[in-house]
Amino acid sequence: MRGVGVLHKAKVVKTLEEALKEVDLAVATSARTKDSMGILRSPLSVRDFVARHAHTDSVYGLVFGCERIGLTNEQLKKCDLTINIPTDRRYPTLNLSHAVAIVLYELSQAKARPRRGFLHGRLKAALIGKYADFVHCGEKIRNKAYALAVFRALLARTPLEEKEARVLLGVFDSVLQRVGLHPAKKGQ
């Protein structure tokens, strides 16, 4: 009801990457539990997500899969965080329309004023980039991609103030300069 205007404003894109290009945090939805997803994709309940993240001025991209199979592992990997709606174990999945309605309802219940200074797109990207440089300096880090994925998951679960992110960037810069990896030498 009264949703025609919203539909007319909708933007259709061809890829998930394009859809998530302008969001600060890509949030995947899944019926899978913590036990089945491992450390990198251990989902928060939708209420925990709302409690931790909804009171910010960040732009979120909610990603829902199709009813039959949900999101693929590749689609999940493109998101920063995974949430789920706790259900009875005997019937763990919901119809897509019901899942969307529940997530949007929970988000609508967050009444607190937006916080300013929350970690956003460019600053988050810079922090991840510096951490990646930092990880690539570590000779004894066997699985660098996994170390980077853990850091991304940590950022998705722990909202950082801009000031905190800038301190981390400074620490990473200082260590990278110390080991001789300057921004100009990045690809070497």
C-alpha atoms as a PDB file:
ATOM      1  CA  MET A   1       0.000   0.000   0.000  1.00  0.00           C
ATOM      2  CA  ARG A   2       1.345   3.389  -1.069  1.00  0.00           C
ATOM      3  CA  GLY A   3       4.542   1.669  -2.245  1.00  0.00           C
ATOM      4  CA  VAL A   4       4.316   2.537  -5.931  1.00  0.00           C
ATOM      5  CA  GLY A   5       6.493   5.634  -5.457  1.00  0.00           C
ATOM      6  CA  VAL A   6       9.177   3.510  -3.821  1.00  0.00           C
ATOM      7  CA  LEU A   7       9.075   1.045  -6.722  1.00  0.00           C
ATOM      8  CA  HIS A   8       9.431   3.855  -9.257  1.00  0.00           C
ATOM      9  CA  LYS A   9      12.542   5.122  -7.443  1.00  0.00           C
ATOM     10  CA  ALA A  10      14.111   1.653  -7.325  1.00  0.00           C
ATOM     11  CA  LYS A  11      17.403   1.261  -9.152  1.00  0.00           C
ATOM     12  CA  VAL A  12      18.004  -2.043 -10.922  1.00  0.00           C
ATOM     13  CA  VAL A  13      21.610  -3.252 -11.165  1.00  0.00           C
ATOM     14  CA  LYS A  14      23.185  -6.330 -12.716  1.00  0.00           C
ATOM     15  CA  THR A  15      25.568  -7.414  -9.956  1.00  0.00           C
ATOM     16  CA  LEU A  16      25.712  -7.603  -6.185  1.00  0.00           C
ATOM     17  CA  GLU A  17      28.967  -5.615  -6.274  1.00  0.00           C
ATOM     18  CA  GLU A  18      27.220  -2.772  -8.073  1.00  0.00           C
ATOM     19  CA  ALA A  19      24.328  -2.859  -5.590  1.00  0.00           C
ATOM     20  CA  LEU A  20      26.732  -2.641  -2.637  1.00  0.00           C
ATOM     21  CA  LYS A  21      29.026  -0.009  -4.131  1.00  0.00           C
ATOM     22  CA  GLU A  22      27.674   2.891  -2.079  1.00  0.00           C
ATOM     23  CA  VAL A  23      26.973   1.175   1.244  1.00  0.00           C
ATOM     24  CA  ASP A  24      29.104   1.395   4.366  1.00  0.00           C
ATOM     25  CA  LEU A  25      28.177  -2.071   5.604  1.00  0.00           C
ATOM     26  CA  ALA A  26      26.837  -4.943   3.507  1.00  0.00           C
ATOM     27  CA  VAL A  27      24.604  -7.123   5.686  1.00  0.00           C
ATOM     28  CA  ALA A  28      23.790 -10.640   4.478  1.00  0.00           C
ATOM     29  CA  THR A  29      20.833 -12.574   5.834  1.00  0.00           C
ATOM     30  CA  SER A  30      20.999 -16.311   6.368  1.00  0.00           C
ATOM     31  CA  ALA A  31      19.120 -19.089   8.116  1.00  0.00           C
ATOM     32  CA  ARG A  32      22.460 -20.752   8.858  1.00  0.00           C
ATOM     33  CA  THR A  33      23.603 -20.735  12.486  1.00  0.00           C
ATOM     34  CA  LYS A  34      26.908 -19.948  14.153  1.00  0.00           C
ATOM     35  CA  ASP A  35      27.716 -23.656  14.277  1.00  0.00           C
ATOM     36  CA  SER A  36      27.470 -24.047  10.509  1.00  0.00           C
ATOM     37  CA  MET A  37      29.184 -20.828   9.412  1.00  0.00           C
ATOM     38  CA  GLY A  38      32.481 -20.636  11.290  1.00  0.00           C
ATOM     39  CA  ILE A  39      34.286 -17.607  12.688  1.00  0.00           C
ATOM     40  CA  LEU A  40      34.176 -15.410   9.596  1.00  0.00           C
ATOM     41  CA  ARG A  41      30.457 -15.524   9.045  1.00  0.00           C
ATOM     42  CA  SER A  42      29.152 -16.220  12.522  1.00  0.00           C
ATOM     43  CA  PRO A  43      25.805 -14.428  12.262  1.00  0.00           C
ATOM     44  CA  LEU A  44      24.341 -11.977  14.728  1.00  0.00           C
ATOM     45  CA  SER A  45      20.673 -12.250  15.513  1.00  0.00           C
ATOM     46  CA  VAL A  46      18.728  -9.446  13.879  1.00  0.00           C
ATOM     47  CA  ARG A  47      18.112  -7.909  17.329  1.00  0.00           C
ATOM     48  CA  ASP A  48      21.828  -7.993  18.205  1.00  0.00           C
ATOM     49  CA  PHE A  49      22.570  -6.343  14.868  1.00  0.00           C
ATOM     50  CA  VAL A  50      20.016  -3.610  15.549  1.00  0.00           C
ATOM     51  CA  ALA A  51      21.399  -3.067  19.060  1.00  0.00           C
ATOM     52  CA  ARG A  52      24.972  -2.720  17.760  1.00  0.00           C
ATOM     53  CA  HIS A  53      24.511  -0.976  14.435  1.00  0.00           C
ATOM     54  CA  ALA A  54      21.136   0.636  13.821  1.00  0.00           C
ATOM     55  CA  HIS A  55      21.847   3.744  15.871  1.00  0.00           C
ATOM     56  CA  THR A  56      24.442   5.077  13.447  1.00  0.00           C
ATOM     57  CA  ASP A  57      24.263   7.293  10.401  1.00  0.00           C
ATOM     58  CA  SER A  58      25.847   4.597   8.225  1.00  0.00           C
ATOM     59  CA  VAL A  59      24.321   3.358   4.987  1.00  0.00           C
ATOM     60  CA  TYR A  60      23.446  -0.338   5.181  1.00  0.00           C
ATOM     61  CA  GLY A  61      22.840  -2.714   2.314  1.00  0.00           C
ATOM     62  CA  LEU A  62      20.574  -5.577   3.346  1.00  0.00           C
ATOM     63  CA  VAL A  63      21.139  -8.644   1.162  1.00  0.00           C
ATOM     64  CA  PHE A  64      18.457 -11.334   0.990  1.00  0.00           C
ATOM     65  CA  GLY A  65      18.755 -14.498  -1.070  1.00  0.00           C
ATOM     66  CA  CYS A  66      16.084 -16.249  -3.047  1.00  0.00           C
ATOM     67  CA  GLU A  67      13.584 -18.347  -1.105  1.00  0.00           C
ATOM     68  CA  ARG A  68      14.685 -21.693  -2.482  1.00  0.00           C
ATOM     69  CA  ILE A  69      18.442 -21.623  -1.754  1.00  0.00           C
ATOM     70  CA  GLY A  70      19.198 -18.379   0.066  1.00  0.00           C
ATOM     71  CA  LEU A  71      22.561 -16.709  -0.542  1.00  0.00           C
ATOM     72  CA  THR A  72      25.501 -18.583  -2.025  1.00  0.00           C
ATOM     73  CA  ASN A  73      28.836 -18.732  -0.207  1.00  0.00           C
ATOM     74  CA  GLU A  74      30.268 -16.352  -2.832  1.00  0.00           C
ATOM     75  CA  GLN A  75      27.485 -13.838  -2.146  1.00  0.00           C
ATOM     76  CA  LEU A  76      28.019 -14.177   1.607  1.00  0.00           C
ATOM     77  CA  LYS A  77      31.748 -13.460   1.143  1.00  0.00           C
ATOM     78  CA  LYS A  78      30.920 -10.153  -0.552  1.00  0.00           C
ATOM     79  CA  CYS A  79      29.122  -8.948   2.571  1.00  0.00           C
ATOM     80  CA  ASP A  80      30.701  -7.552   5.736  1.00  0.00           C
ATOM     81  CA  LEU A  81      28.348  -9.113   8.249  1.00  0.00           C
ATOM     82  CA  THR A  82      25.736 -11.858   8.448  1.00  0.00           C
ATOM     83  CA  ILE A  83      22.505 -11.723  10.442  1.00  0.00           C
ATOM     84  CA  ASN A  84      19.777 -14.259  11.034  1.00  0.00           C
ATOM     85  CA  ILE A  85      16.317 -14.422  12.517  1.00  0.00           C
ATOM     86  CA  PRO A  86      16.239 -16.997  15.318  1.00  0.00           C
ATOM     87  CA  THR A  87      13.586 -19.588  14.515  1.00  0.00           C
ATOM     88  CA  ASP A  88      12.554 -23.029  15.678  1.00  0.00           C
ATOM     89  CA  ARG A  89      15.178 -25.626  14.692  1.00  0.00           C
ATOM     90  CA  ARG A  90      12.495 -27.792  13.121  1.00  0.00           C
ATOM     91  CA  TYR A  91      11.725 -25.076  10.559  1.00  0.00           C
ATOM     92  CA  PRO A  92      14.749 -22.770  10.360  1.00  0.00           C
ATOM     93  CA  THR A  93      13.873 -20.824   7.201  1.00  0.00           C
ATOM     94  CA  LEU A  94      11.265 -18.149   6.529  1.00  0.00           C
ATOM     95  CA  ASN A  95       9.548 -16.964   3.385  1.00  0.00           C
ATOM     96  CA  LEU A  96      11.477 -14.095   1.839  1.00  0.00           C
ATOM     97  CA  SER A  97       8.653 -11.600   2.393  1.00  0.00           C
ATOM     98  CA  HIS A  98       8.428 -12.545   6.074  1.00  0.00           C
ATOM     99  CA  ALA A  99      12.193 -12.304   6.589  1.00  0.00           C
ATOM    100  CA  VAL A 100      12.305  -8.852   4.954  1.00  0.00           C
ATOM    101  CA  ALA A 101       9.346  -7.683   7.040  1.00  0.00           C
ATOM    102  CA  ILE A 102      10.911  -8.875  10.304  1.00  0.00           C
ATOM    103  CA  VAL A 103      14.313  -7.288   9.603  1.00  0.00           C
ATOM    104  CA  LEU A 104      12.739  -3.983   8.546  1.00  0.00           C
ATOM    105  CA  TYR A 105      10.423  -4.022  11.562  1.00  0.00           C
ATOM    106  CA  GLU A 106      13.328  -4.556  13.959  1.00  0.00           C
ATOM    107  CA  LEU A 107      15.264  -1.721  12.292  1.00  0.00           C
ATOM    108  CA  SER A 108      12.234   0.570  12.488  1.00  0.00           C
ATOM    109  CA  GLN A 109      12.068   0.008  16.247  1.00  0.00           C
ATOM    110  CA  ALA A 110      15.486   1.561  16.774  1.00  0.00           C
ATOM    111  CA  LYS A 111      14.503   4.964  18.104  1.00  0.00           C
ATOM    112  CA  ALA A 112      17.845   6.404  19.220  1.00  0.00           C
ATOM    113  CA  ARG A 113      19.304   9.437  17.484  1.00  0.00           C
ATOM    114  CA  PRO A 114      22.020   8.693  14.922  1.00  0.00           C
ATOM    115  CA  ARG A 115      25.568   8.873  16.214  1.00  0.00           C
ATOM    116  CA  ARG A 116      27.967  11.038  14.237  1.00  0.00           C
ATOM    117  CA  GLY A 117      31.563  10.122  13.489  1.00  0.00           C
ATOM    118  CA  PHE A 118      30.864   6.404  12.923  1.00  0.00           C
ATOM    119  CA  LEU A 119      33.309   4.634  10.626  1.00  0.00           C
ATOM    120  CA  HIS A 120      32.217   5.112   6.993  1.00  0.00           C
ATOM    121  CA  GLY A 121      33.106   3.959   3.485  1.00  0.00           C
ATOM    122  CA  ARG A 122      36.390   5.700   2.602  1.00  0.00           C
ATOM    123  CA  LEU A 123      37.821   5.579   6.091  1.00  0.00           C
ATOM    124  CA  LYS A 124      36.822   1.936   6.446  1.00  0.00           C
ATOM    125  CA  ALA A 125      38.374   1.161   3.032  1.00  0.00           C
ATOM    126  CA  ALA A 126      41.594   2.957   4.031  1.00  0.00           C
ATOM    127  CA  LEU A 127      41.764   1.024   7.296  1.00  0.00           C
ATOM    128  CA  ILE A 128      41.243  -2.308   5.519  1.00  0.00           C
ATOM    129  CA  GLY A 129      43.845  -1.333   2.903  1.00  0.00           C
ATOM    130  CA  LYS A 130      46.459  -0.444   5.534  1.00  0.00           C
ATOM    131  CA  TYR A 131      45.713  -3.619   7.453  1.00  0.00           C
ATOM    132  CA  ALA A 132      46.152  -5.607   4.223  1.00  0.00           C
ATOM    133  CA  ASP A 133      49.556  -3.953   3.710  1.00  0.00           C
ATOM    134  CA  PHE A 134      50.355  -4.711   7.345  1.00  0.00           C
ATOM    135  CA  VAL A 135      49.387  -8.386   6.956  1.00  0.00           C
ATOM    136  CA  HIS A 136      51.406  -8.766   3.753  1.00  0.00           C
ATOM    137  CA  CYS A 137      54.519  -7.683   5.679  1.00  0.00           C
ATOM    138  CA  GLY A 138      54.125 -10.615   8.057  1.00  0.00           C
ATOM    139  CA  GLU A 139      56.328 -13.427   6.791  1.00  0.00           C
ATOM    140  CA  LYS A 140      54.886 -15.966   9.235  1.00  0.00           C
ATOM    141  CA  ILE A 141      51.240 -15.244   8.418  1.00  0.00           C
ATOM    142  CA  ARG A 142      50.359 -18.285   6.314  1.00  0.00           C
ATOM    143  CA  ASN A 143      46.844 -17.417   5.249  1.00  0.00           C
ATOM    144  CA  LYS A 144      46.857 -13.702   4.581  1.00  0.00           C
ATOM    145  CA  ALA A 145      43.403 -13.737   2.963  1.00  0.00           C
ATOM    146  CA  TYR A 146      41.957 -15.340   6.092  1.00  0.00           C
ATOM    147  CA  ALA A 147      43.684 -12.786   8.347  1.00  0.00           C
ATOM    148  CA  LEU A 148      42.185  -9.996   6.244  1.00  0.00           C
ATOM    149  CA  ALA A 149      38.732 -11.613   6.324  1.00  0.00           C
ATOM    150  CA  VAL A 150      38.911 -11.869  10.129  1.00  0.00           C
ATOM    151  CA  PHE A 151      39.777  -8.162  10.342  1.00  0.00           C
ATOM    152  CA  ARG A 152      36.846  -7.257   8.057  1.00  0.00           C
ATOM    153  CA  ALA A 153      34.543  -9.384  10.226  1.00  0.00           C
ATOM    154  CA  LEU A 154      35.885  -7.659  13.339  1.00  0.00           C
ATOM    155  CA  LEU A 155      35.200  -4.227  11.828  1.00  0.00           C
ATOM    156  CA  ALA A 156      31.682  -5.310  10.936  1.00  0.00           C
ATOM    157  CA  ARG A 157      30.995  -6.377  14.521  1.00  0.00           C
ATOM    158  CA  THR A 158      32.737  -3.496  16.303  1.00  0.00           C
ATOM    159  CA  PRO A 159      31.620  -0.009  15.336  1.00  0.00           C
ATOM    160  CA  LEU A 160      34.605   2.347  15.478  1.00  0.00           C
ATOM    161  CA  GLU A 161      34.504   6.071  15.983  1.00  0.00           C
ATOM    162  CA  GLU A 162      36.363   8.036  13.319  1.00  0.00           C
ATOM    163  CA  LYS A 163      38.972   9.049  15.896  1.00  0.00           C
ATOM    164  CA  GLU A 164      39.669   5.388  16.796  1.00  0.00           C
ATOM    165  CA  ALA A 165      40.006   4.424  13.130  1.00  0.00           C
ATOM    166  CA  ARG A 166      42.473   7.276  12.541  1.00  0.00           C
ATOM    167  CA  VAL A 167      44.579   6.109  15.497  1.00  0.00           C
ATOM    168  CA  LEU A 168      44.691   2.600  13.999  1.00  0.00           C
ATOM    169  CA  LEU A 169      45.635   4.061  10.612  1.00  0.00           C
ATOM    170  CA  GLY A 170      48.457   5.959  12.307  1.00  0.00           C
ATOM    171  CA  VAL A 171      49.724   2.812  14.020  1.00  0.00           C
ATOM    172  CA  PHE A 172      49.625   0.841  10.757  1.00  0.00           C
ATOM    173  CA  ASP A 173      51.382   3.691   8.893  1.00  0.00           C
ATOM    174  CA  SER A 174      54.074   3.908  11.557  1.00  0.00           C
ATOM    175  CA  VAL A 175      54.800   0.170  11.450  1.00  0.00           C
ATOM    176  CA  LEU A 176      54.699   0.088   7.637  1.00  0.00           C
ATOM    177  CA  GLN A 177      57.196   2.960   7.482  1.00  0.00           C
ATOM    178  CA  ARG A 178      59.394   1.165   9.986  1.00  0.00           C
ATOM    179  CA  VAL A 179      59.519  -1.980   7.829  1.00  0.00           C
ATOM    180  CA  GLY A 180      60.113   0.111   4.717  1.00  0.00           C
ATOM    181  CA  LEU A 181      56.754  -0.300   3.004  1.00  0.00           C
ATOM    182  CA  HIS A 182      55.749   3.216   2.027  1.00  0.00           C
ATOM    183  CA  PRO A 183      52.570   3.971   0.069  1.00  0.00           C
ATOM    184  CA  ALA A 184      54.630   4.694  -3.072  1.00  0.00           C
ATOM    185  CA  LYS A 185      56.223   1.220  -2.861  1.00  0.00           C
ATOM    186  CA  LYS A 186      52.943  -0.581  -2.208  1.00  0.00           C
ATOM    187  CA  GLY A 187      52.964  -2.918  -5.232  1.00  0.00           C
ATOM    188  CA  GLN A 188      56.608  -3.986  -4.860  1.00  0.00           C
END
